[in-house]
Amino acid sequence: MDERLAIEGPPSIFILDHEQKWRFDASLTRDGTQRLNQEKEGLQAELDWAFVLLRDRSTGFVSRMMTTSKGLFDGHTRADPKFFDQEEDFDAAWGEISMLPVVGDDWLEN
């Protein structure tokens, strides 16, 4: 279903699941569509595939996404998107991000 939605469906946002497969995310898609409708008075986002690294402004946390429309990220109020046309470039950029899940020595005790 997710693949068919990506190919034939309306503008959408997908996230990687635990099996590293792209899955449709209704909440993120709805958020992007509502934001677009508020800013552009009901216009439909154009189909424009991209891989996305989305950085949360308050935490710096970066999420990996895929979209069938970059327009769903227009005017995002909480995050900044970085778009990639090629999955190889997207993966390389993701690999350059420092992922340091650091905790103190006593984290098992709490």
PDB file of N, CA and C in Angstrom:
ATOM      1  N   MET A   1       0.807  -1.184   0.000  1.00  0.00           N
ATOM      2  CA  MET A   1       0.000   0.000   0.000  1.00  0.00           C
ATOM      3  C   MET A   1       0.863   1.265   0.000  1.00  0.00           C
ATOM      4  N   ASP A   2       1.934   1.255   0.813  1.00  0.00           N
ATOM      5  CA  ASP A   2       2.778   2.450   0.909  1.00  0.00           C
ATOM      6  C   ASP A   2       3.436   2.780  -0.430  1.00  0.00           C
ATOM      7  N   GLU A   3       3.923   1.757  -1.109  1.00  0.00           N
ATOM      8  CA  GLU A   3       4.550   1.976  -2.412  1.00  0.00           C
ATOM      9  C   GLU A   3       3.539   2.515  -3.414  1.00  0.00           C
ATOM     10  N   ARG A   4       2.356   1.953  -3.414  1.00  0.00           N
ATOM     11  CA  ARG A   4       1.323   2.423  -4.344  1.00  0.00           C
ATOM     12  C   ARG A   4       0.934   3.870  -4.038  1.00  0.00           C
ATOM     13  N   LEU A   5       0.826   4.194  -2.758  1.00  0.00           N
ATOM     14  CA  LEU A   5       0.506   5.564  -2.369  1.00  0.00           C
ATOM     15  C   LEU A   5       1.603   6.522  -2.832  1.00  0.00           C
ATOM     16  N   ALA A   6       2.856   6.111  -2.690  1.00  0.00           N
ATOM     17  CA  ALA A   6       3.971   6.959  -3.115  1.00  0.00           C
ATOM     18  C   ALA A   6       3.955   7.190  -4.627  1.00  0.00           C
ATOM     19  N   ILE A   7       3.571   6.191  -5.370  1.00  0.00           N
ATOM     20  CA  ILE A   7       3.595   6.285  -6.834  1.00  0.00           C
ATOM     21  C   ILE A   7       2.336   6.940  -7.396  1.00  0.00           C
ATOM     22  N   GLU A   8       1.189   6.578  -6.849  1.00  0.00           N
ATOM     23  CA  GLU A   8      -0.070   7.008  -7.442  1.00  0.00           C
ATOM     24  C   GLU A   8      -0.879   7.982  -6.591  1.00  0.00           C
ATOM     25  N   GLY A   9      -0.488   8.179  -5.347  1.00  0.00           N
ATOM     26  CA  GLY A   9      -1.319   8.947  -4.430  1.00  0.00           C
ATOM     27  C   GLY A   9      -1.035  10.436  -4.434  1.00  0.00           C
ATOM     28  N   PRO A  10      -1.722  11.132  -3.544  1.00  0.00           N
ATOM     29  CA  PRO A  10      -1.524  12.582  -3.404  1.00  0.00           C
ATOM     30  C   PRO A  10      -0.191  12.865  -2.722  1.00  0.00           C
ATOM     31  N   PRO A  11       0.240  14.123  -2.667  1.00  0.00           N
ATOM     32  CA  PRO A  11       1.466  14.471  -1.979  1.00  0.00           C
ATOM     33  C   PRO A  11       1.462  13.906  -0.560  1.00  0.00           C
ATOM     34  N   SER A  12       2.567  13.252  -0.196  1.00  0.00           N
ATOM     35  CA  SER A  12       2.634  12.539   1.074  1.00  0.00           C
ATOM     36  C   SER A  12       4.041  12.573   1.647  1.00  0.00           C
ATOM     37  N   ILE A  13       4.123  12.254   2.944  1.00  0.00           N
ATOM     38  CA  ILE A  13       5.401  12.135   3.639  1.00  0.00           C
ATOM     39  C   ILE A  13       5.519  10.713   4.175  1.00  0.00           C
ATOM     40  N   PHE A  14       6.729  10.154   4.061  1.00  0.00           N
ATOM     41  CA  PHE A  14       7.004   8.792   4.489  1.00  0.00           C
ATOM     42  C   PHE A  14       8.185   8.798   5.455  1.00  0.00           C
ATOM     43  N   ILE A  15       8.161   7.881   6.417  1.00  0.00           N
ATOM     44  CA  ILE A  15       9.275   7.722   7.351  1.00  0.00           C
ATOM     45  C   ILE A  15       9.759   6.276   7.284  1.00  0.00           C
ATOM     46  N   LEU A  16      10.991   6.051   7.740  1.00  0.00           N
ATOM     47  CA  LEU A  16      11.534   4.698   7.775  1.00  0.00           C
ATOM     48  C   LEU A  16      11.008   3.966   9.005  1.00  0.00           C
ATOM     49  N   ASP A  17      10.569   2.720   8.794  1.00  0.00           N
ATOM     50  CA  ASP A  17      10.125   1.923   9.930  1.00  0.00           C
ATOM     51  C   ASP A  17      11.305   1.116  10.486  1.00  0.00           C
ATOM     52  N   HIS A  18      11.040   0.251  11.443  1.00  0.00           N
ATOM     53  CA  HIS A  18      12.104  -0.526  12.080  1.00  0.00           C
ATOM     54  C   HIS A  18      12.769  -1.506  11.121  1.00  0.00           C
ATOM     55  N   GLU A  19      12.126  -1.802   9.994  1.00  0.00           N
ATOM     56  CA  GLU A  19      12.706  -2.686   8.973  1.00  0.00           C
ATOM     57  C   GLU A  19      13.410  -1.886   7.877  1.00  0.00           C
ATOM     58  N   GLN A  20      13.528  -0.570   8.095  1.00  0.00           N
ATOM     59  CA  GLN A  20      14.150   0.339   7.131  1.00  0.00           C
ATOM     60  C   GLN A  20      13.385   0.386   5.808  1.00  0.00           C
ATOM     61  N   LYS A  21      12.059   0.327   5.905  1.00  0.00           N
ATOM     62  CA  LYS A  21      11.176   0.470   4.749  1.00  0.00           C
ATOM     63  C   LYS A  21      10.414   1.776   4.894  1.00  0.00           C
ATOM     64  N   TRP A  22      10.196   2.441   3.763  1.00  0.00           N
ATOM     65  CA  TRP A  22       9.459   3.701   3.784  1.00  0.00           C
ATOM     66  C   TRP A  22       7.989   3.430   4.007  1.00  0.00           C
ATOM     67  N   ARG A  23       7.422   4.079   5.036  1.00  0.00           N
ATOM     68  CA  ARG A  23       6.011   3.917   5.385  1.00  0.00           C
ATOM     69  C   ARG A  23       5.330   5.279   5.414  1.00  0.00           C
ATOM     70  N   PHE A  24       4.133   5.324   4.870  1.00  0.00           N
ATOM     71  CA  PHE A  24       3.316   6.541   4.870  1.00  0.00           C
ATOM     72  C   PHE A  24       3.075   6.999   6.298  1.00  0.00           C
ATOM     73  N   ASP A  25       3.209   8.302   6.534  1.00  0.00           N
ATOM     74  CA  ASP A  25       2.918   8.866   7.849  1.00  0.00           C
ATOM     75  C   ASP A  25       1.777   9.869   7.711  1.00  0.00           C
ATOM     76  N   ALA A  26       0.604   9.465   8.147  1.00  0.00           N
ATOM     77  CA  ALA A  26      -0.595  10.297   7.998  1.00  0.00           C
ATOM     78  C   ALA A  26      -0.492  11.592   8.789  1.00  0.00           C
ATOM     79  N   SER A  27       0.067  11.542   9.986  1.00  0.00           N
ATOM     80  CA  SER A  27       0.143  12.726  10.832  1.00  0.00           C
ATOM     81  C   SER A  27       1.044  13.799  10.213  1.00  0.00           C
ATOM     82  N   LEU A  28       2.222  13.418   9.751  1.00  0.00           N
ATOM     83  CA  LEU A  28       3.128  14.385   9.133  1.00  0.00           C
ATOM     84  C   LEU A  28       2.558  14.929   7.830  1.00  0.00           C
ATOM     85  N   THR A  29       1.924  14.055   7.053  1.00  0.00           N
ATOM     86  CA  THR A  29       1.314  14.484   5.795  1.00  0.00           C
ATOM     87  C   THR A  29       0.178  15.465   6.057  1.00  0.00           C
ATOM     88  N   ARG A  30      -0.639  15.156   7.035  1.00  0.00           N
ATOM     89  CA  ARG A  30      -1.752  16.047   7.392  1.00  0.00           C
ATOM     90  C   ARG A  30      -1.219  17.402   7.853  1.00  0.00           C
ATOM     91  N   ASP A  31      -0.183  17.401   8.683  1.00  0.00           N
ATOM     92  CA  ASP A  31       0.421  18.639   9.166  1.00  0.00           C
ATOM     93  C   ASP A  31       0.928  19.482   7.997  1.00  0.00           C
ATOM     94  N   GLY A  32       1.639  18.858   7.075  1.00  0.00           N
ATOM     95  CA  GLY A  32       2.153  19.590   5.910  1.00  0.00           C
ATOM     96  C   GLY A  32       1.052  20.118   5.021  1.00  0.00           C
ATOM     97  N   THR A  33       0.012  19.331   4.819  1.00  0.00           N
ATOM     98  CA  THR A  33      -1.101  19.746   3.972  1.00  0.00           C
ATOM     99  C   THR A  33      -1.852  20.917   4.604  1.00  0.00           C
ATOM    100  N   GLN A  34      -2.095  20.851   5.905  1.00  0.00           N
ATOM    101  CA  GLN A  34      -2.786  21.946   6.594  1.00  0.00           C
ATOM    102  C   GLN A  34      -1.968  23.227   6.563  1.00  0.00           C
ATOM    103  N   ARG A  35      -0.660  23.102   6.763  1.00  0.00           N
ATOM    104  CA  ARG A  35       0.208  24.280   6.722  1.00  0.00           C
ATOM    105  C   ARG A  35       0.206  24.891   5.326  1.00  0.00           C
ATOM    106  N   LEU A  36       0.279  24.060   4.315  1.00  0.00           N
ATOM    107  CA  LEU A  36       0.256  24.526   2.929  1.00  0.00           C
ATOM    108  C   LEU A  36      -1.066  25.215   2.624  1.00  0.00           C
ATOM    109  N   ASN A  37      -2.161  24.639   3.056  1.00  0.00           N
ATOM    110  CA  ASN A  37      -3.479  25.228   2.807  1.00  0.00           C
ATOM    111  C   ASN A  37      -3.629  26.583   3.491  1.00  0.00           C
ATOM    112  N   GLN A  38      -3.051  26.732   4.675  1.00  0.00           N
ATOM    113  CA  GLN A  38      -3.127  28.006   5.378  1.00  0.00           C
ATOM    114  C   GLN A  38      -2.293  29.070   4.676  1.00  0.00           C
ATOM    115  N   GLU A  39      -1.131  28.685   4.176  1.00  0.00           N
ATOM    116  CA  GLU A  39      -0.232  29.654   3.550  1.00  0.00           C
ATOM    117  C   GLU A  39      -0.622  29.985   2.114  1.00  0.00           C
ATOM    118  N   LYS A  40      -1.127  29.006   1.396  1.00  0.00           N
ATOM    119  CA  LYS A  40      -1.384  29.212  -0.028  1.00  0.00           C
ATOM    120  C   LYS A  40      -2.858  29.102  -0.377  1.00  0.00           C
ATOM    121  N   GLU A  41      -3.705  29.288   0.611  1.00  0.00           N
ATOM    122  CA  GLU A  41      -5.152  29.349   0.424  1.00  0.00           C
ATOM    123  C   GLU A  41      -5.718  28.155  -0.337  1.00  0.00           C
ATOM    124  N   GLY A  42      -5.406  26.962   0.154  1.00  0.00           N
ATOM    125  CA  GLY A  42      -6.021  25.760  -0.390  1.00  0.00           C
ATOM    126  C   GLY A  42      -5.373  25.164  -1.616  1.00  0.00           C
ATOM    127  N   LEU A  43      -4.234  25.651  -2.019  1.00  0.00           N
ATOM    128  CA  LEU A  43      -3.568  25.077  -3.185  1.00  0.00           C
ATOM    129  C   LEU A  43      -3.019  23.699  -2.862  1.00  0.00           C
ATOM    130  N   GLN A  44      -3.036  22.825  -3.830  1.00  0.00           N
ATOM    131  CA  GLN A  44      -2.502  21.476  -3.679  1.00  0.00           C
ATOM    132  C   GLN A  44      -1.001  21.498  -3.926  1.00  0.00           C
ATOM    133  N   ALA A  45      -0.251  20.798  -3.114  1.00  0.00           N
ATOM    134  CA  ALA A  45       1.190  20.693  -3.319  1.00  0.00           C
ATOM    135  C   ALA A  45       1.478  19.946  -4.617  1.00  0.00           C
ATOM    136  N   GLU A  46       2.510  20.381  -5.312  1.00  0.00           N
ATOM    137  CA  GLU A  46       2.914  19.709  -6.546  1.00  0.00           C
ATOM    138  C   GLU A  46       3.700  18.449  -6.208  1.00  0.00           C
ATOM    139  N   LEU A  47       3.597  17.448  -7.081  1.00  0.00           N
ATOM    140  CA  LEU A  47       4.393  16.245  -6.895  1.00  0.00           C
ATOM    141  C   LEU A  47       5.839  16.567  -7.258  1.00  0.00           C
ATOM    142  N   ASP A  48       6.720  16.309  -6.311  1.00  0.00           N
ATOM    143  CA  ASP A  48       8.119  16.693  -6.439  1.00  0.00           C
ATOM    144  C   ASP A  48       8.914  15.837  -5.448  1.00  0.00           C
ATOM    145  N   TRP A  49       9.264  14.626  -5.855  1.00  0.00           N
ATOM    146  CA  TRP A  49       9.907  13.654  -4.977  1.00  0.00           C
ATOM    147  C   TRP A  49      11.225  14.160  -4.405  1.00  0.00           C
ATOM    148  N   ALA A  50      11.493  13.826  -3.149  1.00  0.00           N
ATOM    149  CA  ALA A  50      12.780  14.139  -2.533  1.00  0.00           C
ATOM    150  C   ALA A  50      12.958  13.325  -1.253  1.00  0.00           C
ATOM    151  N   PHE A  51      14.207  13.102  -0.912  1.00  0.00           N
ATOM    152  CA  PHE A  51      14.569  12.573   0.393  1.00  0.00           C
ATOM    153  C   PHE A  51      14.849  13.787   1.267  1.00  0.00           C
ATOM    154  N   VAL A  52      14.503  13.699   2.548  1.00  0.00           N
ATOM    155  CA  VAL A  52      14.547  14.878   3.418  1.00  0.00           C
ATOM    156  C   VAL A  52      15.249  14.562   4.737  1.00  0.00           C
ATOM    157  N   LEU A  53      16.170  15.435   5.117  1.00  0.00           N
ATOM    158  CA  LEU A  53      16.672  15.454   6.488  1.00  0.00           C
ATOM    159  C   LEU A  53      16.013  16.664   7.123  1.00  0.00           C
ATOM    160  N   LEU A  54      15.231  16.425   8.168  1.00  0.00           N
ATOM    161  CA  LEU A  54      14.464  17.479   8.813  1.00  0.00           C
ATOM    162  C   LEU A  54      15.034  17.731  10.202  1.00  0.00           C
ATOM    163  N   ARG A  55      15.573  18.944  10.416  1.00  0.00           N
ATOM    164  CA  ARG A  55      16.202  19.305  11.680  1.00  0.00           C
ATOM    165  C   ARG A  55      15.251  20.116  12.546  1.00  0.00           C
ATOM    166  N   ASP A  56      14.948  19.581  13.733  1.00  0.00           N
ATOM    167  CA  ASP A  56      14.121  20.283  14.707  1.00  0.00           C
ATOM    168  C   ASP A  56      14.913  21.482  15.240  1.00  0.00           C
ATOM    169  N   ARG A  57      14.324  22.653  15.177  1.00  0.00           N
ATOM    170  CA  ARG A  57      15.035  23.874  15.594  1.00  0.00           C
ATOM    171  C   ARG A  57      15.332  23.921  17.086  1.00  0.00           C
ATOM    172  N   SER A  58      14.452  23.400  17.909  1.00  0.00           N
ATOM    173  CA  SER A  58      14.652  23.522  19.353  1.00  0.00           C
ATOM    174  C   SER A  58      15.623  22.484  19.915  1.00  0.00           C
ATOM    175  N   THR A  59      15.704  21.308  19.313  1.00  0.00           N
ATOM    176  CA  THR A  59      16.560  20.251  19.853  1.00  0.00           C
ATOM    177  C   THR A  59      17.760  19.927  18.973  1.00  0.00           C
ATOM    178  N   GLY A  60      17.687  20.274  17.687  1.00  0.00           N
ATOM    179  CA  GLY A  60      18.739  19.890  16.757  1.00  0.00           C
ATOM    180  C   GLY A  60      18.589  18.471  16.250  1.00  0.00           C
ATOM    181  N   PHE A  61      17.577  17.748  16.730  1.00  0.00           N
ATOM    182  CA  PHE A  61      17.364  16.358  16.309  1.00  0.00           C
ATOM    183  C   PHE A  61      17.019  16.316  14.824  1.00  0.00           C
ATOM    184  N   VAL A  62      17.639  15.383  14.111  1.00  0.00           N
ATOM    185  CA  VAL A  62      17.417  15.250  12.675  1.00  0.00           C
ATOM    186  C   VAL A  62      16.675  13.954  12.392  1.00  0.00           C
ATOM    187  N   SER A  63      15.598  14.068  11.612  1.00  0.00           N
ATOM    188  CA  SER A  63      14.804  12.908  11.206  1.00  0.00           C
ATOM    189  C   SER A  63      14.971  12.668   9.715  1.00  0.00           C
ATOM    190  N   ARG A  64      14.894  11.405   9.326  1.00  0.00           N
ATOM    191  CA  ARG A  64      14.964  11.030   7.913  1.00  0.00           C
ATOM    192  C   ARG A  64      13.557  10.812   7.383  1.00  0.00           C
ATOM    193  N   MET A  65      13.287  11.394   6.225  1.00  0.00           N
ATOM    194  CA  MET A  65      11.974  11.265   5.612  1.00  0.00           C
ATOM    195  C   MET A  65      12.114  11.187   4.101  1.00  0.00           C
ATOM    196  N   MET A  66      11.037  10.804   3.474  1.00  0.00           N
ATOM    197  CA  MET A  66      10.923  10.878   2.025  1.00  0.00           C
ATOM    198  C   MET A  66       9.585  11.551   1.752  1.00  0.00           C
ATOM    199  N   THR A  67       9.533  12.375   0.719  1.00  0.00           N
ATOM    200  CA  THR A  67       8.279  13.038   0.388  1.00  0.00           C
ATOM    201  C   THR A  67       8.027  12.975  -1.108  1.00  0.00           C
ATOM    202  N   THR A  68       6.779  12.996  -1.452  1.00  0.00           N
ATOM    203  CA  THR A  68       6.417  13.100  -2.871  1.00  0.00           C
ATOM    204  C   THR A  68       6.131  14.542  -3.233  1.00  0.00           C
ATOM    205  N   SER A  69       6.331  15.456  -2.255  1.00  0.00           N
ATOM    206  CA  SER A  69       6.147  16.886  -2.518  1.00  0.00           C
ATOM    207  C   SER A  69       6.918  17.732  -1.518  1.00  0.00           C
ATOM    208  N   LYS A  70       7.929  18.441  -2.002  1.00  0.00           N
ATOM    209  CA  LYS A  70       8.702  19.332  -1.138  1.00  0.00           C
ATOM    210  C   LYS A  70       7.809  20.424  -0.551  1.00  0.00           C
ATOM    211  N   GLY A  71       6.730  20.760  -1.247  1.00  0.00           N
ATOM    212  CA  GLY A  71       5.817  21.796  -0.786  1.00  0.00           C
ATOM    213  C   GLY A  71       5.190  21.512   0.564  1.00  0.00           C
ATOM    214  N   LEU A  72       5.136  20.244   0.970  1.00  0.00           N
ATOM    215  CA  LEU A  72       4.571  19.897   2.273  1.00  0.00           C
ATOM    216  C   LEU A  72       5.429  20.415   3.428  1.00  0.00           C
ATOM    217  N   PHE A  73       6.649  20.854   3.120  1.00  0.00           N
ATOM    218  CA  PHE A  73       7.537  21.387   4.156  1.00  0.00           C
ATOM    219  C   PHE A  73       7.617  22.903   4.131  1.00  0.00           C
ATOM    220  N   ASP A  74       6.940  23.538   3.172  1.00  0.00           N
ATOM    221  CA  ASP A  74       6.953  25.001   3.083  1.00  0.00           C
ATOM    222  C   ASP A  74       6.429  25.616   4.376  1.00  0.00           C
ATOM    223  N   GLY A  75       7.138  26.611   4.868  1.00  0.00           N
ATOM    224  CA  GLY A  75       6.677  27.345   6.039  1.00  0.00           C
ATOM    225  C   GLY A  75       6.661  26.548   7.320  1.00  0.00           C
ATOM    226  N   HIS A  76       7.463  25.487   7.394  1.00  0.00           N
ATOM    227  CA  HIS A  76       7.470  24.682   8.616  1.00  0.00           C
ATOM    228  C   HIS A  76       7.865  25.570   9.787  1.00  0.00           C
ATOM    229  N   THR A  77       7.107  25.523  10.857  1.00  0.00           N
ATOM    230  CA  THR A  77       7.320  26.428  11.988  1.00  0.00           C
ATOM    231  C   THR A  77       8.286  25.886  13.027  1.00  0.00           C
ATOM    232  N   ARG A  78       8.586  24.591  12.973  1.00  0.00           N
ATOM    233  CA  ARG A  78       9.418  23.996  14.019  1.00  0.00           C
ATOM    234  C   ARG A  78      10.701  23.349  13.505  1.00  0.00           C
ATOM    235  N   ALA A  79      10.851  23.234  12.197  1.00  0.00           N
ATOM    236  CA  ALA A  79      11.994  22.485  11.675  1.00  0.00           C
ATOM    237  C   ALA A  79      12.435  23.022  10.321  1.00  0.00           C
ATOM    238  N   ASP A  80      13.672  22.668   9.964  1.00  0.00           N
ATOM    239  CA  ASP A  80      14.247  23.081   8.687  1.00  0.00           C
ATOM    240  C   ASP A  80      14.562  21.851   7.849  1.00  0.00           C
ATOM    241  N   PRO A  81      14.008  21.773   6.642  1.00  0.00           N
ATOM    242  CA  PRO A  81      14.276  20.624   5.775  1.00  0.00           C
ATOM    243  C   PRO A  81      15.495  20.838   4.889  1.00  0.00           C
ATOM    244  N   LYS A  82      16.191  19.759   4.616  1.00  0.00           N
ATOM    245  CA  LYS A  82      17.256  19.744   3.622  1.00  0.00           C
ATOM    246  C   LYS A  82      16.895  18.632   2.647  1.00  0.00           C
ATOM    247  N   PHE A  83      16.733  19.006   1.372  1.00  0.00           N
ATOM    248  CA  PHE A  83      16.233  18.074   0.366  1.00  0.00           C
ATOM    249  C   PHE A  83      17.362  17.465  -0.461  1.00  0.00           C
ATOM    250  N   PHE A  84      17.152  16.210  -0.863  1.00  0.00           N
ATOM    251  CA  PHE A  84      18.092  15.485  -1.704  1.00  0.00           C
ATOM    252  C   PHE A  84      17.310  14.785  -2.809  1.00  0.00           C
ATOM    253  N   ASP A  85      17.775  14.947  -4.033  1.00  0.00           N
ATOM    254  CA  ASP A  85      17.120  14.276  -5.158  1.00  0.00           C
ATOM    255  C   ASP A  85      17.538  12.812  -5.272  1.00  0.00           C
ATOM    256  N   GLN A  86      18.752  12.506  -4.834  1.00  0.00           N
ATOM    257  CA  GLN A  86      19.286  11.151  -4.948  1.00  0.00           C
ATOM    258  C   GLN A  86      19.413  10.507  -3.568  1.00  0.00           C
ATOM    259  N   GLU A  87      18.994   9.253  -3.470  1.00  0.00           N
ATOM    260  CA  GLU A  87      19.070   8.557  -2.188  1.00  0.00           C
ATOM    261  C   GLU A  87      20.520   8.392  -1.726  1.00  0.00           C
ATOM    262  N   GLU A  88      21.442   8.248  -2.668  1.00  0.00           N
ATOM    263  CA  GLU A  88      22.855   8.100  -2.312  1.00  0.00           C
ATOM    264  C   GLU A  88      23.374   9.359  -1.609  1.00  0.00           C
ATOM    265  N   ASP A  89      22.998  10.531  -2.107  1.00  0.00           N
ATOM    266  CA  ASP A  89      23.406  11.789  -1.476  1.00  0.00           C
ATOM    267  C   ASP A  89      22.763  11.945  -0.097  1.00  0.00           C
ATOM    268  N   PHE A  90      21.513  11.548  -0.002  1.00  0.00           N
ATOM    269  CA  PHE A  90      20.769  11.570   1.255  1.00  0.00           C
ATOM    270  C   PHE A  90      21.455  10.676   2.290  1.00  0.00           C
ATOM    271  N   ASP A  91      21.798   9.441   1.892  1.00  0.00           N
ATOM    272  CA  ASP A  91      22.456   8.507   2.806  1.00  0.00           C
ATOM    273  C   ASP A  91      23.830   9.022   3.234  1.00  0.00           C
ATOM    274  N   ALA A  92      24.563   9.628   2.304  1.00  0.00           N
ATOM    275  CA  ALA A  92      25.881  10.171   2.633  1.00  0.00           C
ATOM    276  C   ALA A  92      25.763  11.309   3.642  1.00  0.00           C
ATOM    277  N   ALA A  93      24.808  12.190   3.445  1.00  0.00           N
ATOM    278  CA  ALA A  93      24.605  13.299   4.384  1.00  0.00           C
ATOM    279  C   ALA A  93      24.190  12.768   5.750  1.00  0.00           C
ATOM    280  N   TRP A  94      23.333  11.762   5.773  1.00  0.00           N
ATOM    281  CA  TRP A  94      22.906  11.156   7.038  1.00  0.00           C
ATOM    282  C   TRP A  94      24.111  10.531   7.751  1.00  0.00           C
ATOM    283  N   GLY A  95      24.997   9.900   6.990  1.00  0.00           N
ATOM    284  CA  GLY A  95      26.174   9.268   7.570  1.00  0.00           C
ATOM    285  C   GLY A  95      27.157  10.256   8.173  1.00  0.00           C
ATOM    286  N   GLU A  96      27.114  11.500   7.730  1.00  0.00           N
ATOM    287  CA  GLU A  96      28.008  12.532   8.259  1.00  0.00           C
ATOM    288  C   GLU A  96      27.504  13.145   9.565  1.00  0.00           C
ATOM    289  N   ILE A  97      26.250  12.888   9.896  1.00  0.00           N
ATOM    290  CA  ILE A  97      25.682  13.444  11.125  1.00  0.00           C
ATOM    291  C   ILE A  97      26.190  12.634  12.302  1.00  0.00           C
ATOM    292  N   SER A  98      26.675  13.311  13.305  1.00  0.00           N
ATOM    293  CA  SER A  98      27.196  12.650  14.491  1.00  0.00           C
ATOM    294  C   SER A  98      26.036  12.154  15.339  1.00  0.00           C
ATOM    295  N   MET A  99      25.939  10.878  15.508  1.00  0.00           N
ATOM    296  CA  MET A  99      24.894  10.283  16.347  1.00  0.00           C
ATOM    297  C   MET A  99      25.538   9.757  17.624  1.00  0.00           C
ATOM    298  N   LEU A 100      25.489  10.552  18.668  1.00  0.00           N
ATOM    299  CA  LEU A 100      26.123  10.178  19.922  1.00  0.00           C
ATOM    300  C   LEU A 100      25.095  10.039  21.032  1.00  0.00           C
ATOM    301  N   PRO A 101      24.509   8.854  21.182  1.00  0.00           N
ATOM    302  CA  PRO A 101      23.576   8.648  22.285  1.00  0.00           C
ATOM    303  C   PRO A 101      24.366   8.445  23.576  1.00  0.00           C
ATOM    304  N   VAL A 102      24.655   9.537  24.258  1.00  0.00           N
ATOM    305  CA  VAL A 102      25.510   9.495  25.437  1.00  0.00           C
ATOM    306  C   VAL A 102      24.672   9.565  26.710  1.00  0.00           C
ATOM    307  N   VAL A 103      24.966   8.656  27.646  1.00  0.00           N
ATOM    308  CA  VAL A 103      24.315   8.673  28.962  1.00  0.00           C
ATOM    309  C   VAL A 103      25.397   8.497  30.026  1.00  0.00           C
ATOM    310  N   GLY A 104      25.059   8.853  31.263  1.00  0.00           N
ATOM    311  CA  GLY A 104      26.010   8.699  32.362  1.00  0.00           C
ATOM    312  C   GLY A 104      26.166   7.247  32.753  1.00  0.00           C
ATOM    313  N   ASP A 105      27.185   6.981  33.554  1.00  0.00           N
ATOM    314  CA  ASP A 105      27.477   5.607  34.002  1.00  0.00           C
ATOM    315  C   ASP A 105      26.357   4.993  34.823  1.00  0.00           C
ATOM    316  N   ASP A 106      25.557   5.823  35.473  1.00  0.00           N
ATOM    317  CA  ASP A 106      24.536   5.308  36.382  1.00  0.00           C
ATOM    318  C   ASP A 106      23.157   5.171  35.732  1.00  0.00           C
ATOM    319  N   TRP A 107      23.068   5.213  34.411  1.00  0.00           N
ATOM    320  CA  TRP A 107      21.758   5.221  33.780  1.00  0.00           C
ATOM    321  C   TRP A 107      20.968   3.943  33.998  1.00  0.00           C
ATOM    322  N   LEU A 108      21.616   2.807  34.225  1.00  0.00           N
ATOM    323  CA  LEU A 108      20.889   1.563  34.491  1.00  0.00           C
ATOM    324  C   LEU A 108      20.287   1.541  35.891  1.00  0.00           C
ATOM    325  N   GLU A 109      20.841   2.317  36.793  1.00  0.00           N
ATOM    326  CA  GLU A 109      20.387   2.340  38.174  1.00  0.00           C
ATOM    327  C   GLU A 109      19.122   3.168  38.357  1.00  0.00           C
ATOM    328  N   ASN A 110      18.822   4.046  37.433  1.00  0.00           N
ATOM    329  CA  ASN A 110      17.653   4.927  37.586  1.00  0.00           C
ATOM    330  C   ASN A 110      16.409   4.321  37.020  1.00  0.00           C
TER     331      ASN A 110
END
